[in-house]
Structures are given as structure tokens and as C-alpha cells.
Protein backbone atom coordinates (compact mmCIF):
# COMPACT_ATOMS: atom_id res chain seq x y z
CA MET A 1 -0.04 -0.07 -0.11
CA THR A 2 1.34 3.52 -0.82
CA ALA A 3 0.98 6.60 1.13
CA ALA A 4 -1.55 7.84 -1.51
CA ASP A 5 -3.75 4.80 -0.71
CA ASP A 6 -3.36 4.59 3.19
CA PRO A 7 -6.61 5.94 4.53
CA ALA A 8 -4.49 7.82 7.34
CA THR A 9 -2.27 9.57 4.78
CA SER A 10 -4.12 9.74 1.48
CA PRO A 11 -5.00 13.07 0.10
CA ALA A 12 -7.97 11.90 -1.80
CA GLY A 13 -10.67 13.23 0.84
CA HIS A 14 -9.12 16.75 0.57
CA ALA A 15 -8.99 16.55 -3.18
CA LEU A 16 -12.47 15.33 -3.49
CA VAL A 17 -13.73 18.21 -1.36
CA GLN A 18 -11.62 20.82 -3.37
CA ALA A 19 -12.88 19.40 -6.63
CA ILE A 20 -16.59 19.60 -5.47
CA ALA A 21 -16.17 23.18 -4.32
CA ASP A 22 -14.47 24.11 -7.57
CA LYS A 23 -17.16 22.23 -9.51
CA ASP A 24 -14.13 20.83 -11.39
CA ASP A 25 -15.20 17.86 -13.52
CA GLU A 26 -11.80 17.22 -14.89
CA ALA A 27 -10.35 17.02 -11.29
CA LEU A 28 -13.12 14.57 -10.26
CA ARG A 29 -12.67 12.46 -13.39
CA ALA A 30 -8.94 12.16 -12.41
CA LEU A 31 -9.84 11.17 -8.70
CA LEU A 32 -12.61 8.79 -9.32
CA ASP A 33 -11.85 5.38 -10.51
CA PRO A 34 -13.79 4.30 -13.69
CA ASP A 35 -15.16 1.32 -11.88
CA LEU A 36 -16.22 3.47 -8.73
CA ASP A 37 -18.83 2.03 -6.49
CA PHE A 38 -20.97 5.19 -5.36
CA ARG A 39 -23.85 5.74 -3.19
CA GLY A 40 -25.17 8.94 -1.85
CA MET A 41 -28.04 10.19 0.24
CA THR A 42 -29.56 13.71 0.21
CA PRO A 43 -32.71 14.87 2.14
CA GLY A 44 -34.97 13.88 -0.77
CA ARG A 45 -33.25 11.16 -2.66
CA VAL A 46 -30.96 8.16 -2.49
CA TRP A 47 -28.20 8.18 -5.40
CA GLU A 48 -26.50 5.11 -6.96
CA ALA A 49 -23.95 5.22 -9.73
CA ALA A 50 -21.64 2.84 -11.41
CA SER A 51 -19.75 5.30 -13.56
CA VAL A 52 -18.02 8.45 -13.21
CA ALA A 53 -20.38 10.21 -15.46
CA ASP A 54 -23.34 9.16 -13.15
CA VAL A 55 -21.44 10.55 -10.23
CA LEU A 56 -20.84 13.86 -12.06
CA ASP A 57 -24.36 13.94 -12.86
CA ALA A 58 -25.56 13.48 -9.25
CA ILE A 59 -23.03 16.20 -8.18
CA HIS A 60 -24.35 18.67 -10.83
CA GLN A 61 -27.81 18.08 -9.38
CA TRP A 62 -26.82 18.65 -5.86
CA PHE A 63 -24.80 21.86 -6.83
CA ASP A 64 -26.23 23.18 -10.04
CA GLU A 65 -25.16 26.04 -12.16
CA ASN A 66 -27.10 28.54 -9.91
CA ASP A 67 -25.48 27.51 -6.90
CA ARG A 68 -22.19 29.42 -6.34
CA ILE A 69 -19.87 27.58 -3.72
CA GLU A 70 -18.41 30.61 -1.98
CA ALA A 71 -16.11 28.76 0.45
CA ILE A 72 -15.11 25.56 2.16
CA GLU A 73 -15.84 26.36 5.67
CA GLN A 74 -14.49 23.16 7.32
CA VAL A 75 -12.83 19.87 6.36
CA GLU A 76 -12.23 17.12 8.96
CA THR A 77 -10.53 13.82 7.99
CA ASP A 78 -10.10 10.55 9.81
CA ALA A 79 -9.28 7.02 9.04
CA PHE A 80 -10.48 3.71 10.28
CA ALA A 81 -9.67 0.18 9.05
CA ASP A 82 -9.36 0.51 5.24
CA ARG A 83 -11.78 3.49 4.99
CA GLN A 84 -11.15 7.18 5.01
CA ARG A 85 -13.76 9.67 6.24
CA VAL A 86 -13.93 13.35 5.33
CA GLY A 87 -16.62 15.71 6.64
CA TYR A 88 -16.93 19.26 5.02
CA ARG A 89 -19.06 22.28 5.07
CA LEU A 90 -19.53 24.38 1.98
CA ARG A 91 -20.90 28.01 2.02
CA VAL A 92 -23.30 28.18 -1.03
CA ARG A 93 -25.10 31.28 -2.44
CA ASN A 94 -28.09 30.99 -4.90
CA SER A 95 -31.31 32.96 -5.74
CA ASP A 96 -32.64 31.64 -2.37
CA GLY A 97 -29.94 33.24 -0.27
CA LEU A 98 -26.82 32.05 1.53
CA HIS A 99 -26.63 28.33 2.85
CA VAL A 100 -24.35 26.11 4.43
CA VAL A 101 -24.18 22.48 3.23
CA ASP A 102 -22.74 19.75 5.45
CA GLN A 103 -21.63 16.36 3.84
CA GLN A 104 -19.83 13.32 5.15
CA ALA A 105 -18.02 11.05 2.79
CA TYR A 106 -16.54 7.65 3.45
CA LEU A 107 -14.12 6.32 0.77
CA SER A 108 -11.51 3.81 -0.18
CA VAL A 109 -8.61 4.52 -2.37
CA ASP A 110 -6.52 2.27 -4.89
CA ALA A 111 -3.66 3.36 -6.88
CA GLY A 112 -4.37 7.10 -5.86
CA ARG A 113 -8.04 6.83 -7.05
CA ILE A 114 -11.20 6.74 -5.11
CA THR A 115 -12.87 3.17 -5.81
CA TRP A 116 -15.60 3.22 -3.07
CA LEU A 117 -17.34 6.39 -2.16
CA ARG A 118 -20.50 6.93 0.16
CA VAL A 119 -21.71 10.61 0.77
CA MET A 120 -24.47 11.83 3.03
CA CYS A 121 -25.79 15.37 2.92
CA ALA A 122 -27.81 17.35 5.41
CA GLY A 123 -29.01 19.56 2.68
CA PHE A 124 -29.08 23.32 2.12
CA ARG A 125 -29.47 24.98 5.32
CA PRO A 126 -30.22 28.76 5.33
CA VAL A 127 -28.07 31.09 7.04
CA GLU A 128 -28.04 34.85 7.60
CA GLY A 129 -25.41 36.90 5.81
């Protein structure tokens, strides 16, 4: 196992958060393994995908073209057994105002790419500002 694959030292969690916040499809394609096993849960839907294109489609629905991600407010990482956990909070502005979005992701990495990913989202929570 290389340092890039070790859950305790892998940069994959941080890279995932940055790519989502930047809405950077190319970075996500480079990070996600073509045979990715993905599931996600948002307040209104459960998502499953077996391809990178399907994962990108899900993320585009979570954060559409009207959602401007202004900042990554928090990132926490941890590792257990063969998994990495990354919790992150994004500040998002859209036509409904300012929101905070909190997501928790669990992932496995092989050869520097995410091969298994589970994401749970608390939804867009309005904030003043």
C-alpha cells in the first residue's frame, strides 16, 4: 500500500472536497476510478452510480449552475480500518440566499483513485449573511 492509498495519509478526501467546491469535473474524473462504487443520500433522494459520468450528474444536481460555492468552511478527515472519512461544510449562495451544506463522505482509495464512495448530505441549510 502506498501513502496515497493509506487511509491515514491519503490526500484523496481533501482533493474530493476541493474538486466538488470548485465544480471541477476534470479533477473529479482524475480522482474517481472508472469502476467506482458510489452511493449517496440527500434529504430527498438516494443516489447510486456505477460510472464517473453518473457521479458527476449527481453532483451537478446537488450543486447546479445557480449554486455558487463561495467557500469551504470546514474539512475534517479521519481514517479507520481501510476507509477514510472526510466531513466538510460548504458556504453556498443561490437565488434563495446564503446556505451552509454539510456532507460526510466515506471512501476507499486504490492506486491513488477513489474506488468506493459513500456521501451523506444534510441539505442546504439557510443562514443569515
